[in-house]
């Protein structure tokens, strides 16, 4: 994430924790891509909140913005699970979203899959 509201980051994390069955869950890696902590000061509060989560959360903060692709690649390299799921920090997932994706990757571990993303309308 970069210059996101803390509430949006937490909403994404909570939706992931609530939607992924424990047997499919390994870790969450949060990367702050050099957010402006003067403007988004509430992001300073994320570390104490992470400690209250029921799952392993690794929080990495870059001092300067390195860009979306660099940050995603950094997280993928650091990941220790069998499957890597990359999400933006302002997304919310629902129960059952992961299983169809895993069914595809189970057939070929080199497969890259992406969910259909629906946008909320007013």
N, C-alpha and C. Protein backbone atom coordinates (compact mmCIF):
# COMPACT_ATOMS: atom_id res chain seq x y z
N UNK A 1 0.84 -1.19 0.00
CA UNK A 1 0.00 0.00 0.00
C UNK A 1 0.88 1.24 0.00
N UNK A 2 0.31 2.31 -0.48
CA UNK A 2 1.01 3.60 -0.51
C UNK A 2 -0.03 4.69 -0.27
N UNK A 3 0.15 5.43 0.83
CA UNK A 3 -0.75 6.53 1.17
C UNK A 3 -2.22 6.10 1.19
N UNK A 4 -2.49 4.94 1.78
CA UNK A 4 -3.86 4.45 1.94
C UNK A 4 -4.36 4.80 3.33
N UNK A 5 -5.63 4.92 3.48
CA UNK A 5 -6.22 5.08 4.79
C UNK A 5 -6.06 3.77 5.57
N UNK A 6 -5.74 3.89 6.83
CA UNK A 6 -5.56 2.71 7.67
C UNK A 6 -6.81 1.84 7.65
N UNK A 7 -7.96 2.45 7.67
CA UNK A 7 -9.22 1.68 7.67
C UNK A 7 -9.35 0.81 6.43
N UNK A 8 -8.89 1.28 5.28
CA UNK A 8 -8.96 0.47 4.06
C UNK A 8 -7.98 -0.70 4.12
N UNK A 9 -6.78 -0.45 4.60
CA UNK A 9 -5.80 -1.52 4.73
C UNK A 9 -6.33 -2.60 5.68
N UNK A 10 -6.87 -2.18 6.81
CA UNK A 10 -7.39 -3.14 7.78
C UNK A 10 -8.60 -3.89 7.24
N UNK A 11 -9.44 -3.21 6.49
CA UNK A 11 -10.61 -3.88 5.90
C UNK A 11 -10.18 -5.00 4.98
N UNK A 12 -9.15 -4.76 4.19
CA UNK A 12 -8.63 -5.80 3.31
C UNK A 12 -8.08 -6.97 4.13
N UNK A 13 -7.27 -6.66 5.13
CA UNK A 13 -6.67 -7.72 5.96
C UNK A 13 -7.75 -8.54 6.65
N UNK A 14 -8.71 -7.88 7.25
CA UNK A 14 -9.79 -8.61 7.94
C UNK A 14 -10.59 -9.47 6.98
N UNK A 15 -10.84 -8.97 5.78
CA UNK A 15 -11.61 -9.77 4.82
C UNK A 15 -10.82 -11.01 4.39
N UNK A 16 -9.51 -10.88 4.27
CA UNK A 16 -8.67 -12.04 3.92
C UNK A 16 -8.68 -13.05 5.06
N UNK A 17 -8.49 -12.58 6.28
CA UNK A 17 -8.48 -13.49 7.44
C UNK A 17 -9.82 -14.20 7.57
N UNK A 18 -10.92 -13.48 7.37
CA UNK A 18 -12.25 -14.06 7.52
C UNK A 18 -12.64 -14.98 6.37
N UNK A 19 -12.03 -14.81 5.19
CA UNK A 19 -12.47 -15.53 4.00
C UNK A 19 -11.65 -16.76 3.65
N UNK A 20 -10.45 -16.85 4.15
CA UNK A 20 -9.58 -17.97 3.79
C UNK A 20 -9.61 -19.01 4.90
N UNK A 21 -9.94 -20.26 4.56
CA UNK A 21 -9.95 -21.31 5.57
C UNK A 21 -8.55 -21.49 6.19
N UNK A 22 -8.49 -21.76 7.49
CA UNK A 22 -7.18 -21.87 8.17
C UNK A 22 -6.21 -22.86 7.51
N UNK A 23 -6.72 -23.95 6.94
CA UNK A 23 -5.81 -24.92 6.32
C UNK A 23 -5.19 -24.40 5.03
N UNK A 24 -5.73 -23.33 4.47
CA UNK A 24 -5.15 -22.71 3.28
C UNK A 24 -4.36 -21.45 3.60
N UNK A 25 -4.24 -21.14 4.87
CA UNK A 25 -3.64 -19.87 5.28
C UNK A 25 -2.22 -20.08 5.80
N UNK A 26 -1.30 -19.24 5.36
CA UNK A 26 0.07 -19.33 5.84
C UNK A 26 0.55 -18.02 6.47
N UNK A 27 0.43 -16.92 5.73
CA UNK A 27 0.93 -15.63 6.22
C UNK A 27 0.33 -14.49 5.41
N UNK A 28 0.42 -13.31 5.99
CA UNK A 28 0.09 -12.07 5.27
C UNK A 28 1.35 -11.22 5.28
N UNK A 29 1.69 -10.70 4.12
CA UNK A 29 2.81 -9.77 4.01
C UNK A 29 2.24 -8.42 3.59
N UNK A 30 2.39 -7.44 4.45
CA UNK A 30 1.95 -6.08 4.17
C UNK A 30 3.17 -5.23 3.83
N UNK A 31 3.12 -4.55 2.72
CA UNK A 31 4.24 -3.70 2.33
C UNK A 31 3.75 -2.26 2.21
N UNK A 32 4.33 -1.40 3.03
CA UNK A 32 4.08 0.04 2.94
C UNK A 32 5.15 0.60 2.00
N UNK A 33 4.71 1.01 0.83
CA UNK A 33 5.63 1.47 -0.20
C UNK A 33 5.94 2.96 -0.03
N UNK A 34 6.51 3.30 1.13
CA UNK A 34 6.96 4.66 1.37
C UNK A 34 5.85 5.67 1.58
N UNK A 35 4.81 5.29 2.31
CA UNK A 35 3.71 6.23 2.57
C UNK A 35 4.21 7.47 3.30
N UNK A 36 3.54 8.58 3.05
CA UNK A 36 3.83 9.84 3.72
C UNK A 36 3.18 9.81 5.10
N UNK A 37 3.95 9.50 6.13
CA UNK A 37 3.41 9.34 7.48
C UNK A 37 3.03 10.67 8.13
N UNK A 38 3.47 11.77 7.55
CA UNK A 38 3.02 13.07 8.04
C UNK A 38 1.56 13.29 7.65
N UNK A 39 1.23 12.93 6.41
CA UNK A 39 -0.13 13.11 5.92
C UNK A 39 -1.04 11.96 6.35
N UNK A 40 -0.52 10.72 6.31
CA UNK A 40 -1.29 9.54 6.66
C UNK A 40 -0.79 9.01 8.00
N UNK A 41 -0.86 9.87 9.00
CA UNK A 41 -0.26 9.59 10.32
C UNK A 41 -0.87 8.37 10.99
N UNK A 42 -2.13 8.03 10.66
CA UNK A 42 -2.75 6.87 11.30
C UNK A 42 -2.06 5.55 10.93
N UNK A 43 -1.31 5.56 9.84
CA UNK A 43 -0.58 4.35 9.46
C UNK A 43 0.50 3.98 10.47
N UNK A 44 0.89 4.94 11.30
CA UNK A 44 1.87 4.65 12.35
C UNK A 44 1.30 3.66 13.37
N UNK A 45 -0.01 3.54 13.42
CA UNK A 45 -0.67 2.67 14.40
C UNK A 45 -0.82 1.23 13.94
N UNK A 46 -0.33 0.91 12.75
CA UNK A 46 -0.59 -0.42 12.19
C UNK A 46 0.16 -1.53 12.93
N UNK A 47 1.39 -1.27 13.37
CA UNK A 47 2.16 -2.34 14.00
C UNK A 47 1.52 -2.89 15.27
N UNK A 48 1.04 -2.05 16.20
CA UNK A 48 0.36 -2.61 17.37
C UNK A 48 -0.90 -3.42 17.00
N UNK A 49 -1.60 -2.99 15.96
CA UNK A 49 -2.80 -3.71 15.53
C UNK A 49 -2.46 -5.07 14.95
N UNK A 50 -1.38 -5.14 14.18
CA UNK A 50 -0.96 -6.40 13.57
C UNK A 50 -0.70 -7.46 14.63
N UNK A 51 -0.17 -7.05 15.76
CA UNK A 51 0.14 -8.00 16.83
C UNK A 51 -1.10 -8.67 17.40
N UNK A 52 -2.27 -8.08 17.19
CA UNK A 52 -3.50 -8.66 17.72
C UNK A 52 -4.14 -9.66 16.75
N UNK A 53 -3.64 -9.76 15.53
CA UNK A 53 -4.23 -10.67 14.55
C UNK A 53 -3.97 -12.12 14.93
N UNK A 54 -4.86 -12.98 14.51
CA UNK A 54 -4.74 -14.41 14.83
C UNK A 54 -3.84 -15.16 13.85
N UNK A 55 -3.29 -14.45 12.87
CA UNK A 55 -2.43 -15.08 11.86
C UNK A 55 -1.09 -14.33 11.80
N UNK A 56 -0.12 -14.98 11.20
CA UNK A 56 1.20 -14.36 11.05
C UNK A 56 1.12 -13.22 10.03
N UNK A 57 1.56 -12.04 10.45
CA UNK A 57 1.59 -10.87 9.56
C UNK A 57 2.99 -10.28 9.59
N UNK A 58 3.57 -10.16 8.42
CA UNK A 58 4.89 -9.56 8.27
C UNK A 58 4.68 -8.17 7.66
N UNK A 59 5.09 -7.12 8.37
CA UNK A 59 4.89 -5.75 7.90
C UNK A 59 6.25 -5.16 7.52
N UNK A 60 6.35 -4.73 6.29
CA UNK A 60 7.59 -4.15 5.76
C UNK A 60 7.28 -2.72 5.35
N UNK A 61 8.15 -1.81 5.74
CA UNK A 61 7.96 -0.40 5.36
C UNK A 61 9.19 0.11 4.65
N UNK A 62 9.00 0.53 3.39
CA UNK A 62 10.08 1.17 2.65
C UNK A 62 10.09 2.64 3.02
N UNK A 63 11.26 3.20 3.18
CA UNK A 63 11.38 4.63 3.52
C UNK A 63 11.00 5.52 2.35
N UNK A 64 11.17 5.03 1.14
CA UNK A 64 10.78 5.80 -0.04
C UNK A 64 9.99 4.92 -0.98
N UNK A 65 9.16 5.53 -1.81
CA UNK A 65 8.33 4.80 -2.74
C UNK A 65 9.19 4.09 -3.78
N UNK A 66 9.01 2.78 -3.88
CA UNK A 66 9.78 1.99 -4.84
C UNK A 66 8.93 1.55 -6.03
N UNK A 67 7.63 1.76 -5.94
CA UNK A 67 6.74 1.41 -7.04
C UNK A 67 5.99 0.10 -6.80
N UNK A 68 4.85 0.00 -7.46
CA UNK A 68 3.95 -1.13 -7.29
C UNK A 68 4.62 -2.46 -7.65
N UNK A 69 5.23 -2.54 -8.80
CA UNK A 69 5.79 -3.82 -9.25
C UNK A 69 6.96 -4.24 -8.37
N UNK A 70 7.83 -3.31 -8.00
CA UNK A 70 8.94 -3.64 -7.10
C UNK A 70 8.39 -4.18 -5.78
N UNK A 71 7.40 -3.51 -5.21
CA UNK A 71 6.84 -3.92 -3.92
C UNK A 71 6.19 -5.29 -4.01
N UNK A 72 5.44 -5.53 -5.06
CA UNK A 72 4.81 -6.85 -5.22
C UNK A 72 5.85 -7.95 -5.39
N UNK A 73 6.84 -7.68 -6.20
CA UNK A 73 7.89 -8.68 -6.39
C UNK A 73 8.64 -8.94 -5.09
N UNK A 74 8.92 -7.90 -4.33
CA UNK A 74 9.60 -8.03 -3.05
C UNK A 74 8.79 -8.94 -2.12
N UNK A 75 7.48 -8.71 -2.07
CA UNK A 75 6.62 -9.54 -1.23
C UNK A 75 6.57 -10.98 -1.70
N UNK A 76 6.53 -11.19 -3.01
CA UNK A 76 6.50 -12.55 -3.55
C UNK A 76 7.77 -13.31 -3.23
N UNK A 77 8.90 -12.65 -3.35
CA UNK A 77 10.18 -13.29 -3.03
C UNK A 77 10.26 -13.63 -1.55
N UNK A 78 9.71 -12.79 -0.73
CA UNK A 78 9.76 -12.99 0.73
C UNK A 78 8.77 -14.04 1.23
N UNK A 79 7.73 -14.29 0.44
CA UNK A 79 6.68 -15.23 0.84
C UNK A 79 7.24 -16.64 1.02
N UNK A 80 6.70 -17.34 2.01
CA UNK A 80 7.18 -18.70 2.30
C UNK A 80 6.11 -19.76 2.07
N UNK A 81 4.93 -19.38 1.64
CA UNK A 81 3.86 -20.34 1.40
C UNK A 81 3.98 -21.01 0.04
N UNK A 82 3.10 -21.96 -0.21
CA UNK A 82 3.10 -22.69 -1.49
C UNK A 82 2.45 -21.89 -2.61
N UNK A 83 1.51 -21.02 -2.26
CA UNK A 83 0.79 -20.20 -3.23
C UNK A 83 0.87 -18.75 -2.76
N UNK A 84 1.03 -17.84 -3.70
CA UNK A 84 1.09 -16.41 -3.37
C UNK A 84 -0.15 -15.74 -3.95
N UNK A 85 -0.84 -15.01 -3.10
CA UNK A 85 -2.01 -14.23 -3.49
C UNK A 85 -1.65 -12.76 -3.33
N UNK A 86 -1.74 -12.02 -4.41
CA UNK A 86 -1.41 -10.60 -4.38
C UNK A 86 -2.70 -9.79 -4.49
N UNK A 87 -2.90 -8.90 -3.52
CA UNK A 87 -4.08 -8.05 -3.51
C UNK A 87 -3.68 -6.60 -3.31
N UNK A 88 -4.49 -5.71 -3.85
CA UNK A 88 -4.32 -4.29 -3.52
C UNK A 88 -4.87 -4.06 -2.13
N UNK A 89 -4.45 -2.97 -1.52
CA UNK A 89 -4.82 -2.69 -0.13
C UNK A 89 -6.23 -2.15 0.02
N UNK A 90 -6.92 -1.92 -1.05
CA UNK A 90 -8.28 -1.38 -0.96
C UNK A 90 -9.28 -2.36 -1.58
N UNK A 91 -8.98 -3.66 -1.44
CA UNK A 91 -9.86 -4.70 -1.95
C UNK A 91 -10.50 -5.44 -0.79
N UNK A 92 -11.63 -6.03 -1.05
CA UNK A 92 -12.29 -6.87 -0.06
C UNK A 92 -12.65 -8.18 -0.74
N UNK A 93 -12.33 -9.29 -0.09
CA UNK A 93 -12.64 -10.60 -0.65
C UNK A 93 -13.77 -11.22 0.14
N UNK A 94 -14.47 -12.14 -0.49
CA UNK A 94 -15.60 -12.82 0.15
C UNK A 94 -15.28 -14.30 0.31
N UNK A 95 -15.98 -14.91 1.23
CA UNK A 95 -15.81 -16.33 1.49
C UNK A 95 -16.02 -17.12 0.20
N UNK A 96 -15.15 -18.10 -0.06
CA UNK A 96 -15.27 -18.94 -1.24
C UNK A 96 -14.52 -18.44 -2.46
N UNK A 97 -13.89 -17.29 -2.38
CA UNK A 97 -13.20 -16.75 -3.56
C UNK A 97 -11.93 -17.53 -3.89
N UNK A 98 -11.29 -18.10 -2.88
CA UNK A 98 -9.97 -18.70 -3.07
C UNK A 98 -10.02 -20.11 -3.66
N UNK A 99 -10.98 -20.91 -3.28
CA UNK A 99 -11.02 -22.30 -3.67
C UNK A 99 -11.00 -22.52 -5.18
N UNK A 100 -11.78 -21.78 -5.98
CA UNK A 100 -11.70 -21.97 -7.44
C UNK A 100 -10.31 -21.63 -8.01
N UNK A 101 -9.65 -20.65 -7.41
CA UNK A 101 -8.30 -20.30 -7.88
C UNK A 101 -7.31 -21.41 -7.54
N UNK A 102 -7.43 -21.96 -6.33
CA UNK A 102 -6.53 -23.05 -5.93
C UNK A 102 -6.77 -24.31 -6.75
N UNK A 103 -8.01 -24.55 -7.17
CA UNK A 103 -8.30 -25.72 -8.00
C UNK A 103 -7.53 -25.65 -9.31
N UNK A 104 -7.35 -24.47 -9.83
CA UNK A 104 -6.59 -24.29 -11.08
C UNK A 104 -5.09 -24.48 -10.82
N UNK A 105 -4.59 -23.86 -9.76
CA UNK A 105 -3.15 -23.98 -9.48
C UNK A 105 -2.77 -25.38 -9.02
N UNK A 106 -3.71 -26.12 -8.46
CA UNK A 106 -3.42 -27.51 -8.07
C UNK A 106 -3.12 -28.38 -9.29
N UNK A 107 -3.72 -28.05 -10.42
CA UNK A 107 -3.50 -28.82 -11.66
C UNK A 107 -2.13 -28.52 -12.26
N UNK A 108 -1.66 -27.28 -12.10
CA UNK A 108 -0.36 -26.88 -12.64
C UNK A 108 0.18 -25.77 -11.76
N UNK A 109 1.19 -26.09 -10.96
CA UNK A 109 1.72 -25.12 -9.99
C UNK A 109 2.37 -23.90 -10.65
N UNK A 110 2.63 -23.95 -11.94
CA UNK A 110 3.23 -22.80 -12.63
C UNK A 110 2.17 -21.83 -13.16
N UNK A 111 0.92 -22.14 -12.94
CA UNK A 111 -0.18 -21.33 -13.44
C UNK A 111 -0.34 -20.04 -12.63
N UNK A 112 -0.61 -18.96 -13.32
CA UNK A 112 -0.95 -17.69 -12.68
C UNK A 112 -2.45 -17.48 -12.91
N UNK A 113 -3.18 -17.27 -11.83
CA UNK A 113 -4.62 -17.05 -11.95
C UNK A 113 -4.97 -15.71 -11.32
N UNK A 114 -6.10 -15.18 -11.74
CA UNK A 114 -6.59 -13.92 -11.17
C UNK A 114 -8.10 -14.00 -11.05
N UNK A 115 -8.64 -13.50 -9.96
CA UNK A 115 -10.09 -13.52 -9.80
C UNK A 115 -10.74 -12.44 -10.66
N UNK A 116 -12.04 -12.61 -10.88
CA UNK A 116 -12.82 -11.55 -11.51
C UNK A 116 -13.06 -10.50 -10.43
N UNK A 117 -12.83 -9.26 -10.76
CA UNK A 117 -13.00 -8.18 -9.79
C UNK A 117 -14.23 -7.37 -10.16
N UNK A 118 -15.13 -7.28 -9.20
CA UNK A 118 -16.35 -6.50 -9.39
C UNK A 118 -16.15 -5.14 -8.73
N UNK A 119 -16.65 -4.12 -9.37
CA UNK A 119 -16.55 -2.77 -8.83
C UNK A 119 -17.90 -2.37 -8.24
N UNK A 120 -17.86 -1.77 -7.09
CA UNK A 120 -19.09 -1.29 -6.46
C UNK A 120 -19.60 -0.08 -7.21
N UNK A 121 -20.88 -0.06 -7.44
CA UNK A 121 -21.50 1.07 -8.12
C UNK A 121 -22.33 1.85 -7.12
N UNK A 122 -22.50 3.13 -7.40
CA UNK A 122 -23.31 3.98 -6.49
C UNK A 122 -24.77 3.65 -6.61
